[in-house]
PDB file of all heavy atoms in Angstrom:
ATOM      1  N   THR A   1     109.800 112.942  78.229  1.00  0.00           N
ATOM      2  CA  THR A   1     110.807 113.176  77.207  1.00  0.00           C
ATOM      3  C   THR A   1     110.254 113.131  75.810  1.00  0.00           C
ATOM      4  O   THR A   1     110.303 114.193  75.163  1.00  0.00           O
ATOM      5  CB  THR A   1     112.015 112.201  77.289  1.00  0.00           C
ATOM      6  OG1 THR A   1     112.461 112.063  78.670  1.00  0.00           O
ATOM      7  CG2 THR A   1     113.139 112.580  76.377  1.00  0.00           C
ATOM      8  N   LEU A   2     109.754 112.011  75.337  1.00  0.00           N
ATOM      9  CA  LEU A   2     109.408 111.932  73.972  1.00  0.00           C
ATOM     10  C   LEU A   2     108.371 110.751  73.748  1.00  0.00           C
ATOM     11  O   LEU A   2     108.298 109.885  74.623  1.00  0.00           O
ATOM     12  CB  LEU A   2     110.649 111.718  73.009  1.00  0.00           C
ATOM     13  CG  LEU A   2     111.463 110.484  73.294  1.00  0.00           C
ATOM     14  CD1 LEU A   2     111.019 109.240  72.502  1.00  0.00           C
ATOM     15  CD2 LEU A   2     112.974 110.739  73.044  1.00  0.00           C
ATOM     16  N   VAL A   3     107.741 110.741  72.610  1.00  0.00           N
ATOM     17  CA  VAL A   3     106.966 109.611  72.125  1.00  0.00           C
ATOM     18  C   VAL A   3     107.683 108.999  70.941  1.00  0.00           C
ATOM     19  O   VAL A   3     108.041 109.715  69.988  1.00  0.00           O
ATOM     20  CB  VAL A   3     105.539 110.075  71.712  1.00  0.00           C
ATOM     21  CG1 VAL A   3     104.762 108.888  71.169  1.00  0.00           C
ATOM     22  CG2 VAL A   3     104.801 110.621  72.947  1.00  0.00           C
ATOM     23  N   HIS A   4     107.976 107.754  71.095  1.00  0.00           N
ATOM     24  CA  HIS A   4     108.628 106.979  70.022  1.00  0.00           C
ATOM     25  C   HIS A   4     107.628 106.081  69.267  1.00  0.00           C
ATOM     26  O   HIS A   4     106.935 105.296  69.850  1.00  0.00           O
ATOM     27  CB  HIS A   4     109.719 106.081  70.665  1.00  0.00           C
ATOM     28  CG  HIS A   4     110.450 105.194  69.684  1.00  0.00           C
ATOM     29  ND1 HIS A   4     111.427 105.654  68.811  1.00  0.00           N
ATOM     30  CD2 HIS A   4     110.370 103.887  69.451  1.00  0.00           C
ATOM     31  CE1 HIS A   4     111.897 104.688  68.051  1.00  0.00           C
ATOM     32  NE2 HIS A   4     111.297 103.572  68.473  1.00  0.00           N
ATOM     33  N   VAL A   5     107.543 106.354  67.955  1.00  0.00           N
ATOM     34  CA  VAL A   5     106.574 105.637  67.112  1.00  0.00           C
ATOM     35  C   VAL A   5     107.335 104.705  66.139  1.00  0.00           C
ATOM     36  O   VAL A   5     107.980 105.231  65.243  1.00  0.00           O
ATOM     37  CB  VAL A   5     105.668 106.592  66.286  1.00  0.00           C
ATOM     38  CG1 VAL A   5     104.636 105.807  65.572  1.00  0.00           C
ATOM     39  CG2 VAL A   5     104.939 107.628  67.313  1.00  0.00           C
ATOM     40  N   PRO A   6     107.278 103.376  66.334  1.00  0.00           N
ATOM     41  CA  PRO A   6     108.035 102.522  65.432  1.00  0.00           C
ATOM     42  C   PRO A   6     107.238 102.157  64.159  1.00  0.00           C
ATOM     43  O   PRO A   6     106.034 102.134  64.179  1.00  0.00           O
ATOM     44  CB  PRO A   6     108.191 101.291  66.321  1.00  0.00           C
ATOM     45  CG  PRO A   6     106.953 101.287  67.151  1.00  0.00           C
ATOM     46  CD  PRO A   6     106.563 102.693  67.454  1.00  0.00           C
ATOM     47  N   ARG A   7     107.985 101.985  63.072  1.00  0.00           N
ATOM     48  CA  ARG A   7     107.431 101.350  61.872  1.00  0.00           C
ATOM     49  C   ARG A   7     106.221 102.069  61.317  1.00  0.00           C
ATOM     50  O   ARG A   7     105.169 101.543  61.093  1.00  0.00           O
ATOM     51  CB  ARG A   7     107.105  99.899  62.041  1.00  0.00           C
ATOM     52  CG  ARG A   7     108.337  99.025  62.278  1.00  0.00           C
ATOM     53  CD  ARG A   7     107.922  97.532  62.326  1.00  0.00           C
ATOM     54  NE  ARG A   7     109.022  96.603  62.403  1.00  0.00           N
ATOM     55  CZ  ARG A   7     109.514  96.156  63.571  1.00  0.00           C
ATOM     56  NH1 ARG A   7     108.890  96.548  64.679  1.00  0.00           N
ATOM     57  NH2 ARG A   7     110.550  95.330  63.574  1.00  0.00           N
ATOM     58  N   LEU A   8     106.441 103.362  61.031  1.00  0.00           N
ATOM     59  CA  LEU A   8     105.396 104.132  60.264  1.00  0.00           C
ATOM     60  C   LEU A   8     105.767 103.990  58.741  1.00  0.00           C
ATOM     61  O   LEU A   8     106.986 104.065  58.401  1.00  0.00           O
ATOM     62  CB  LEU A   8     105.367 105.534  60.659  1.00  0.00           C
ATOM     63  CG  LEU A   8     104.643 105.999  61.953  1.00  0.00           C
ATOM     64  CD1 LEU A   8     104.706 107.480  62.169  1.00  0.00           C
ATOM     65  CD2 LEU A   8     103.138 105.513  61.888  1.00  0.00           C
ATOM     66  N   THR A   9     104.823 103.998  57.903  1.00  0.00           N
ATOM     67  CA  THR A   9     105.098 104.061  56.485  1.00  0.00           C
ATOM     68  C   THR A   9     105.630 105.395  56.130  1.00  0.00           C
ATOM     69  O   THR A   9     104.969 106.418  56.339  1.00  0.00           O
ATOM     70  CB  THR A   9     103.785 103.774  55.630  1.00  0.00           C
ATOM     71  OG1 THR A   9     103.200 102.484  56.090  1.00  0.00           O
ATOM     72  CG2 THR A   9     104.078 103.725  54.153  1.00  0.00           C
ATOM     73  N   GLU A  10     106.830 105.436  55.579  1.00  0.00           N
ATOM     74  CA  GLU A  10     107.458 106.731  55.250  1.00  0.00           C
ATOM     75  C   GLU A  10     106.639 107.444  54.175  1.00  0.00           C
ATOM     76  O   GLU A  10     106.284 106.813  53.100  1.00  0.00           O
ATOM     77  CB  GLU A  10     108.899 106.453  54.736  1.00  0.00           C
ATOM     78  CG  GLU A  10     109.616 107.745  54.405  1.00  0.00           C
ATOM     79  CD  GLU A  10     111.020 107.501  53.958  1.00  0.00           C
ATOM     80  OE1 GLU A  10     111.275 106.663  53.023  1.00  0.00           O
ATOM     81  OE2 GLU A  10     111.983 108.145  54.479  1.00  0.00           O
ATOM     82  N   GLY A  11     106.299 108.707  54.440  1.00  0.00           N
ATOM     83  CA  GLY A  11     105.543 109.458  53.501  1.00  0.00           C
ATOM     84  C   GLY A  11     104.080 109.192  53.453  1.00  0.00           C
ATOM     85  O   GLY A  11     103.343 109.770  52.694  1.00  0.00           O
ATOM     86  N   GLY A  12     103.629 108.264  54.335  1.00  0.00           N
ATOM     87  CA  GLY A  12     102.152 107.958  54.374  1.00  0.00           C
ATOM     88  C   GLY A  12     101.425 109.000  55.123  1.00  0.00           C
ATOM     89  O   GLY A  12     101.969 109.890  55.690  1.00  0.00           O
ATOM     90  N   PRO A  13     100.062 108.945  55.089  1.00  0.00           N
ATOM     91  CA  PRO A  13      99.252 109.939  55.707  1.00  0.00           C
ATOM     92  C   PRO A  13      99.597 110.153  57.165  1.00  0.00           C
ATOM     93  O   PRO A  13      99.627 111.291  57.677  1.00  0.00           O
ATOM     94  CB  PRO A  13      97.805 109.424  55.570  1.00  0.00           C
ATOM     95  CG  PRO A  13      97.858 108.575  54.356  1.00  0.00           C
ATOM     96  CD  PRO A  13      99.249 107.924  54.341  1.00  0.00           C
ATOM     97  N   LEU A  14      99.890 109.116  57.947  1.00  0.00           N
ATOM     98  CA  LEU A  14     100.153 109.219  59.344  1.00  0.00           C
ATOM     99  C   LEU A  14     101.538 109.867  59.590  1.00  0.00           C
ATOM    100  O   LEU A  14     101.698 110.679  60.514  1.00  0.00           O
ATOM    101  CB  LEU A  14     100.071 107.918  60.064  1.00  0.00           C
ATOM    102  CG  LEU A  14      98.669 107.319  60.157  1.00  0.00           C
ATOM    103  CD1 LEU A  14      98.673 105.805  60.573  1.00  0.00           C
ATOM    104  CD2 LEU A  14      97.849 108.174  61.143  1.00  0.00           C
ATOM    105  N   HIS A  15     102.565 109.479  58.770  1.00  0.00           N
ATOM    106  CA  HIS A  15     103.846 110.059  58.946  1.00  0.00           C
ATOM    107  C   HIS A  15     103.795 111.565  58.588  1.00  0.00           C
ATOM    108  O   HIS A  15     104.351 112.425  59.344  1.00  0.00           O
ATOM    109  CB  HIS A  15     104.850 109.312  58.062  1.00  0.00           C
ATOM    110  CG  HIS A  15     106.244 109.873  58.154  1.00  0.00           C
ATOM    111  ND1 HIS A  15     107.104 109.829  57.109  1.00  0.00           N
ATOM    112  CD2 HIS A  15     106.928 110.462  59.176  1.00  0.00           C
ATOM    113  CE1 HIS A  15     108.282 110.416  57.436  1.00  0.00           C
ATOM    114  NE2 HIS A  15     108.167 110.789  58.732  1.00  0.00           N
ATOM    115  N   ARG A  16     103.159 111.865  57.482  1.00  0.00           N
ATOM    116  CA  ARG A  16     103.088 113.306  57.125  1.00  0.00           C
ATOM    117  C   ARG A  16     102.373 114.145  58.135  1.00  0.00           C
ATOM    118  O   ARG A  16     102.786 115.290  58.453  1.00  0.00           O
ATOM    119  CB  ARG A  16     102.385 113.468  55.759  1.00  0.00           C
ATOM    120  CG  ARG A  16     103.099 112.805  54.586  1.00  0.00           C
ATOM    121  CD  ARG A  16     102.546 113.270  53.206  1.00  0.00           C
ATOM    122  NE  ARG A  16     101.151 113.104  53.159  1.00  0.00           N
ATOM    123  CZ  ARG A  16     100.519 112.099  52.611  1.00  0.00           C
ATOM    124  NH1 ARG A  16     101.266 111.057  52.157  1.00  0.00           N
ATOM    125  NH2 ARG A  16      99.214 112.023  52.560  1.00  0.00           N
ATOM    126  N   ALA A  17     101.281 113.574  58.655  1.00  0.00           N
ATOM    127  CA  ALA A  17     100.522 114.370  59.679  1.00  0.00           C
ATOM    128  C   ALA A  17     101.369 114.499  60.989  1.00  0.00           C
ATOM    129  O   ALA A  17     101.323 115.555  61.601  1.00  0.00           O
ATOM    130  CB  ALA A  17      99.261 113.618  60.031  1.00  0.00           C
ATOM    131  N   LEU A  18     102.130 113.476  61.361  1.00  0.00           N
ATOM    132  CA  LEU A  18     102.954 113.555  62.521  1.00  0.00           C
ATOM    133  C   LEU A  18     104.058 114.647  62.380  1.00  0.00           C
ATOM    134  O   LEU A  18     104.345 115.417  63.297  1.00  0.00           O
ATOM    135  CB  LEU A  18     103.604 112.229  62.799  1.00  0.00           C
ATOM    136  CG  LEU A  18     104.352 112.077  64.138  1.00  0.00           C
ATOM    137  CD1 LEU A  18     103.490 112.409  65.326  1.00  0.00           C
ATOM    138  CD2 LEU A  18     104.881 110.627  64.290  1.00  0.00           C
ATOM    139  N   VAL A  19     104.649 114.709  61.179  1.00  0.00           N
ATOM    140  CA  VAL A  19     105.627 115.760  60.890  1.00  0.00           C
ATOM    141  C   VAL A  19     104.910 117.144  61.056  1.00  0.00           C
ATOM    142  O   VAL A  19     105.553 118.090  61.670  1.00  0.00           O
ATOM    143  CB  VAL A  19     106.227 115.578  59.509  1.00  0.00           C
ATOM    144  CG1 VAL A  19     107.039 116.823  59.093  1.00  0.00           C
ATOM    145  CG2 VAL A  19     107.056 114.325  59.431  1.00  0.00           C
ATOM    146  N   ASP A  20     103.783 117.322  60.549  1.00  0.00           N
ATOM    147  CA  ASP A  20     103.080 118.670  60.589  1.00  0.00           C
ATOM    148  C   ASP A  20     102.774 118.966  62.034  1.00  0.00           C
ATOM    149  O   ASP A  20     102.916 120.142  62.452  1.00  0.00           O
ATOM    150  CB  ASP A  20     101.814 118.634  59.711  1.00  0.00           C
ATOM    151  CG  ASP A  20     102.172 118.600  58.242  1.00  0.00           C
ATOM    152  OD1 ASP A  20     103.268 118.940  57.876  1.00  0.00           O
ATOM    153  OD2 ASP A  20     101.204 118.248  57.497  1.00  0.00           O
ATOM    154  N   VAL A  21     102.250 118.075  62.744  1.00  0.00           N
ATOM    155  CA  VAL A  21     101.827 118.248  64.170  1.00  0.00           C
ATOM    156  C   VAL A  21     103.056 118.625  65.001  1.00  0.00           C
ATOM    157  O   VAL A  21     103.004 119.562  65.886  1.00  0.00           O
ATOM    158  CB  VAL A  21     101.082 117.058  64.725  1.00  0.00           C
ATOM    159  CG1 VAL A  21     100.909 117.202  66.238  1.00  0.00           C
ATOM    160  CG2 VAL A  21      99.765 116.923  64.050  1.00  0.00           C
ATOM    161  N   ALA A  22     104.113 117.936  64.830  1.00  0.00           N
ATOM    162  CA  ALA A  22     105.406 118.207  65.590  1.00  0.00           C
ATOM    163  C   ALA A  22     105.833 119.618  65.315  1.00  0.00           C
ATOM    164  O   ALA A  22     106.233 120.326  66.250  1.00  0.00           O
ATOM    165  CB  ALA A  22     106.473 117.196  65.279  1.00  0.00           C
ATOM    166  N   ARG A  23     105.758 120.002  64.044  1.00  0.00           N
ATOM    167  CA  ARG A  23     106.178 121.391  63.712  1.00  0.00           C
ATOM    168  C   ARG A  23     105.244 122.383  64.350  1.00  0.00           C
ATOM    169  O   ARG A  23     105.720 123.456  64.889  1.00  0.00           O
ATOM    170  CB  ARG A  23     106.185 121.503  62.209  1.00  0.00           C
ATOM    171  CG  ARG A  23     106.715 122.844  61.716  1.00  0.00           C
ATOM    172  CD  ARG A  23     106.664 123.008  60.159  1.00  0.00           C
ATOM    173  NE  ARG A  23     107.458 121.937  59.556  1.00  0.00           N
ATOM    174  CZ  ARG A  23     106.909 120.988  58.760  1.00  0.00           C
ATOM    175  NH1 ARG A  23     105.582 121.014  58.569  1.00  0.00           N
ATOM    176  NH2 ARG A  23     107.621 120.065  58.236  1.00  0.00           N
ATOM    177  N   MET A  24     103.960 122.166  64.347  1.00  0.00           N
ATOM    178  CA  MET A  24     103.012 123.101  64.931  1.00  0.00           C
ATOM    179  C   MET A  24     103.231 123.220  66.471  1.00  0.00           C
ATOM    180  O   MET A  24     102.936 124.221  67.083  1.00  0.00           O
ATOM    181  CB  MET A  24     101.597 122.653  64.659  1.00  0.00           C
ATOM    182  CG  MET A  24     101.153 122.772  63.198  1.00  0.00           C
ATOM    183  SD  MET A  24     101.053 124.491  62.581  1.00  0.00           S
ATOM    184  CE  MET A  24      99.660 125.034  63.613  1.00  0.00           C
ATOM    185  N   ARG A  25     103.783 122.125  67.087  1.00  0.00           N
ATOM    186  CA  ARG A  25     104.082 122.143  68.514  1.00  0.00           C
ATOM    187  C   ARG A  25     105.440 122.808  68.827  1.00  0.00           C
ATOM    188  O   ARG A  25     105.808 122.825  69.978  1.00  0.00           O
ATOM    189  CB  ARG A  25     104.028 120.686  69.040  1.00  0.00           C
ATOM    190  CG  ARG A  25     102.639 120.065  69.126  1.00  0.00           C
ATOM    191  CD  ARG A  25     102.677 118.579  69.357  1.00  0.00           C
ATOM    192  NE  ARG A  25     103.643 118.152  70.353  1.00  0.00           N
ATOM    193  CZ  ARG A  25     103.249 118.034  71.648  1.00  0.00           C
ATOM    194  NH1 ARG A  25     101.959 118.261  72.060  1.00  0.00           N
ATOM    195  NH2 ARG A  25     104.127 117.584  72.571  1.00  0.00           N
ATOM    196  N   GLY A  26     106.111 123.246  67.783  1.00  0.00           N
ATOM    197  CA  GLY A  26     107.395 123.874  68.071  1.00  0.00           C
ATOM    198  C   GLY A  26     108.527 122.927  68.053  1.00  0.00           C
ATOM    199  O   GLY A  26     109.650 123.275  68.463  1.00  0.00           O
ATOM    200  N   GLY A  27     108.394 121.715  67.583  1.00  0.00           N
ATOM    201  CA  GLY A  27     109.448 120.733  67.565  1.00  0.00           C
ATOM    202  C   GLY A  27     109.557 120.107  66.198  1.00  0.00           C
ATOM    203  O   GLY A  27     109.275 120.751  65.214  1.00  0.00           O
ATOM    204  N   ARG A  28     110.107 118.883  66.173  1.00  0.00           N
ATOM    205  CA  ARG A  28     110.156 118.191  64.869  1.00  0.00           C
ATOM    206  C   ARG A  28     110.034 116.707  65.103  1.00  0.00           C
ATOM    207  O   ARG A  28     110.286 116.182  66.215  1.00  0.00           O
ATOM    208  CB  ARG A  28     111.517 118.483  64.182  1.00  0.00           C
ATOM    209  CG  ARG A  28     112.769 118.044  64.936  1.00  0.00           C
ATOM    210  CD  ARG A  28     113.988 118.262  64.004  1.00  0.00           C
ATOM    211  NE  ARG A  28     113.995 117.318  62.954  1.00  0.00           N
ATOM    212  CZ  ARG A  28     114.648 117.395  61.890  1.00  0.00           C
ATOM    213  NH1 ARG A  28     115.428 118.475  61.633  1.00  0.00           N
ATOM    214  NH2 ARG A  28     114.689 116.472  60.913  1.00  0.00           N
ATOM    215  N   ALA A  29     109.563 116.016  64.103  1.00  0.00           N
ATOM    216  CA  ALA A  29     109.490 114.560  64.151  1.00  0.00           C
ATOM    217  C   ALA A  29     110.814 114.000  63.601  1.00  0.00           C
ATOM    218  O   ALA A  29     111.079 114.083  62.380  1.00  0.00           O
ATOM    219  CB  ALA A  29     108.326 114.069  63.265  1.00  0.00           C
ATOM    220  N   GLU A  30     111.649 113.471  64.470  1.00  0.00           N
ATOM    221  CA  GLU A  30     112.964 113.028  64.163  1.00  0.00           C
ATOM    222  C   GLU A  30     112.953 111.581  63.737  1.00  0.00           C
ATOM    223  O   GLU A  30     112.593 110.661  64.527  1.00  0.00           O
ATOM    224  CB  GLU A  30     113.875 113.231  65.392  1.00  0.00           C
ATOM    225  CG  GLU A  30     115.318 112.876  65.165  1.00  0.00           C
ATOM    226  CD  GLU A  30     116.158 113.878  64.365  1.00  0.00           C
ATOM    227  OE1 GLU A  30     115.571 115.022  64.263  1.00  0.00           O
ATOM    228  OE2 GLU A  30     117.206 113.620  64.008  1.00  0.00           O
ATOM    229  N   VAL A  31     113.359 111.355  62.519  1.00  0.00           N
ATOM    230  CA  VAL A  31     113.508 109.908  62.014  1.00  0.00           C
ATOM    231  C   VAL A  31     114.828 109.376  62.587  1.00  0.00           C
ATOM    232  O   VAL A  31     115.867 109.833  62.289  1.00  0.00           O
ATOM    233  CB  VAL A  31     113.431 109.799  60.489  1.00  0.00           C
ATOM    234  CG1 VAL A  31     113.809 108.406  60.041  1.00  0.00           C
ATOM    235  CG2 VAL A  31     112.116 110.268  59.949  1.00  0.00           C
ATOM    236  N   VAL A  32     114.667 108.310  63.392  1.00  0.00           N
ATOM    237  CA  VAL A  32     115.906 107.702  63.999  1.00  0.00           C
ATOM    238  C   VAL A  32     116.327 106.442  63.431  1.00  0.00           C
ATOM    239  O   VAL A  32     117.328 105.890  63.704  1.00  0.00           O
ATOM    240  CB  VAL A  32     115.676 107.574  65.553  1.00  0.00           C
ATOM    241  CG1 VAL A  32     115.521 108.956  66.237  1.00  0.00           C
ATOM    242  CG2 VAL A  32     114.489 106.651  65.828  1.00  0.00           C
ATOM    243  N   HIS A  33     115.433 105.895  62.615  1.00  0.00           N
ATOM    244  CA  HIS A  33     115.857 104.646  61.889  1.00  0.00           C
ATOM    245  C   HIS A  33     114.913 104.419  60.672  1.00  0.00           C
ATOM    246  O   HIS A  33     113.777 104.949  60.646  1.00  0.00           O
ATOM    247  CB  HIS A  33     115.641 103.441  62.762  1.00  0.00           C
ATOM    248  CG  HIS A  33     116.112 102.148  62.262  1.00  0.00           C
ATOM    249  ND1 HIS A  33     117.393 101.917  61.793  1.00  0.00           N
ATOM    250  CD2 HIS A  33     115.456 100.960  62.014  1.00  0.00           C
ATOM    251  CE1 HIS A  33     117.565 100.689  61.361  1.00  0.00           C
ATOM    252  NE2 HIS A  33     116.383 100.054  61.465  1.00  0.00           N
TER     253      HIS A  33
END
């Protein structure tokens, strides 16, 4: 189903990269909390 990543720094290098990678995979990184 999905990979859930807890407690990333919002707007940090890892969060930004995850957003970009999810988009390149045809999906999106959904902030749930």
